[in-house]
Amino acid sequence: MLLISCPNCGPRDETEFHYGGQAHIAYPENPNDLSDREWAEYLFYRENTKGTFAERWVHSTGCRQWFNMLRDTVSYDIHSIYAMGQPRPDTQSGLAPGAATTGATAPTSSEGV
């Protein structure tokens, strides 16, 4: 089980959260101007990164607020939890794993994962 630190409610069990897909996908400025192929790419084409990946999550049984998470898809380690609208933290520029940009600490996966 993962222990996820909600920016509003603090650490909670992963069963209280729902995955919302890849983070930082910009909505098209003029969706009516897109071709069918461009619209399909916006809706369905996402990265499938092995390693550090930016994701959207919602605390569905708590505060119901959305936030972003930088998580390793191989080890499940959570590197950072940050607010929607914030840029993705750069783990290569010195952001330590487990450091959150929201001021709260982001826990890593619990034992046995």
Protein backbone atom coordinates (compact mmCIF):
# COMPACT_ATOMS: atom_id res chain seq x y z
CA MET A 1 0.00 0.00 0.00
CA LEU A 2 1.09 3.53 -0.73
CA LEU A 3 0.82 6.27 1.84
CA ILE A 4 -0.05 9.44 -0.07
CA SER A 5 0.31 12.85 1.53
CA CYS A 6 -2.70 14.94 0.54
CA PRO A 7 -1.66 18.63 0.40
CA ASN A 8 -4.85 19.50 2.34
CA CYS A 9 -5.47 16.52 4.64
CA GLY A 10 -2.02 15.03 5.28
CA PRO A 11 -0.94 11.39 4.91
CA ARG A 12 -3.71 8.96 3.91
CA ASP A 13 -3.97 5.43 2.55
CA GLU A 14 -3.93 5.13 -1.24
CA THR A 15 -7.47 3.68 -1.23
CA GLU A 16 -8.77 7.22 -0.54
CA PHE A 17 -7.36 8.49 -3.85
CA HIS A 18 -8.08 8.01 -7.54
CA TYR A 19 -5.58 8.26 -10.37
CA GLY A 20 -6.42 10.94 -12.93
CA GLY A 21 -3.89 10.27 -15.68
CA GLN A 22 -0.86 12.10 -16.93
CA ALA A 23 -0.30 15.60 -15.54
CA HIS A 24 0.41 18.74 -17.54
CA ILE A 25 -1.74 17.96 -20.59
CA ALA A 26 -2.86 21.34 -21.92
CA TYR A 27 -6.42 21.66 -23.23
CA PRO A 28 -6.37 22.84 -26.86
CA GLU A 29 -7.03 26.57 -27.26
CA ASN A 30 -9.44 26.01 -30.16
CA PRO A 31 -10.70 22.43 -29.98
CA ASN A 32 -13.18 23.02 -32.82
CA ASP A 33 -10.26 23.79 -35.14
CA LEU A 34 -8.61 20.41 -34.55
CA SER A 35 -8.79 17.60 -37.07
CA ASP A 36 -10.21 14.27 -35.93
CA ARG A 37 -6.67 12.90 -35.66
CA GLU A 38 -5.46 15.87 -33.56
CA TRP A 39 -8.47 15.56 -31.25
CA ALA A 40 -7.91 11.81 -30.87
CA GLU A 41 -4.25 12.44 -30.03
CA TYR A 42 -5.27 14.94 -27.36
CA LEU A 43 -7.83 12.56 -25.85
CA PHE A 44 -6.02 9.23 -26.01
CA TYR A 45 -2.29 9.56 -26.62
CA ARG A 46 -0.30 9.66 -23.39
CA GLU A 47 3.24 8.86 -22.40
CA ASN A 48 3.89 5.45 -20.86
CA THR A 49 7.07 6.28 -19.01
CA LYS A 50 9.08 3.70 -17.13
CA GLY A 51 10.56 5.69 -14.27
CA THR A 52 9.69 9.15 -12.96
CA PHE A 53 6.28 10.27 -14.20
CA ALA A 54 4.04 13.28 -13.46
CA GLU A 55 0.48 12.18 -12.58
CA ARG A 56 -2.79 13.77 -11.49
CA TRP A 57 -4.56 12.43 -8.40
CA VAL A 58 -7.75 13.34 -6.54
CA HIS A 59 -8.45 12.77 -2.85
CA SER A 60 -11.87 11.31 -3.65
CA THR A 61 -12.95 10.28 -0.14
CA GLY A 62 -11.39 13.25 1.62
CA CYS A 63 -11.20 16.88 0.54
CA ARG A 64 -11.96 15.99 -3.13
CA GLN A 65 -9.14 18.24 -4.33
CA TRP A 66 -6.88 17.47 -7.30
CA PHE A 67 -3.08 17.61 -7.07
CA ASN A 68 -0.06 16.45 -9.05
CA MET A 69 2.40 13.80 -8.01
CA LEU A 70 5.86 12.95 -9.33
CA ARG A 71 6.13 9.19 -8.85
CA ASP A 72 8.48 6.45 -10.02
CA THR A 73 6.37 3.92 -11.93
CA VAL A 74 8.88 1.13 -11.28
CA SER A 75 9.50 1.47 -7.53
CA TYR A 76 6.31 3.42 -6.64
CA ASP A 77 8.44 5.94 -4.72
CA ILE A 78 6.78 9.33 -4.50
CA HIS A 79 9.31 12.07 -5.27
CA SER A 80 7.07 15.12 -4.96
CA ILE A 81 3.48 16.21 -4.45
CA TYR A 82 2.58 19.64 -5.77
CA ALA A 83 -0.46 21.78 -6.52
CA MET A 84 -2.35 21.83 -9.79
CA GLY A 85 -1.04 24.62 -12.00
CA GLN A 86 2.47 24.39 -10.58
CA PRO A 87 5.28 23.41 -12.99
CA ARG A 88 6.70 19.91 -12.73
CA PRO A 89 9.61 19.82 -10.26
CA ASP A 90 12.92 18.91 -11.84
CA THR A 91 14.40 15.97 -9.92
CA GLN A 92 17.69 16.42 -11.79
CA SER A 93 18.28 19.94 -10.43
CA GLY A 94 18.60 19.01 -6.79
CA LEU A 95 15.02 18.38 -5.67
CA ALA A 96 15.52 15.56 -3.23
CA PRO A 97 13.24 12.53 -3.45
CA GLY A 98 10.48 12.97 -0.90
CA ALA A 99 10.65 16.76 -1.00
CA ALA A 100 7.29 18.34 -1.67
CA THR A 101 6.81 21.78 -3.16
CA THR A 102 3.61 22.33 -1.17
CA GLY A 103 5.43 22.55 2.15
CA ALA A 104 4.29 19.10 3.31
CA THR A 105 6.50 16.07 3.17
CA ALA A 106 5.68 13.48 0.55
CA PRO A 107 6.02 9.96 1.92
CA THR A 108 7.43 7.12 -0.09
CA SER A 109 5.76 3.77 -0.54
CA SER A 110 5.23 1.69 2.55
CA GLU A 111 6.88 -1.63 3.30
CA GLY A 112 6.08 -4.66 1.19
CA VAL A 113 5.35 -2.88 -2.08
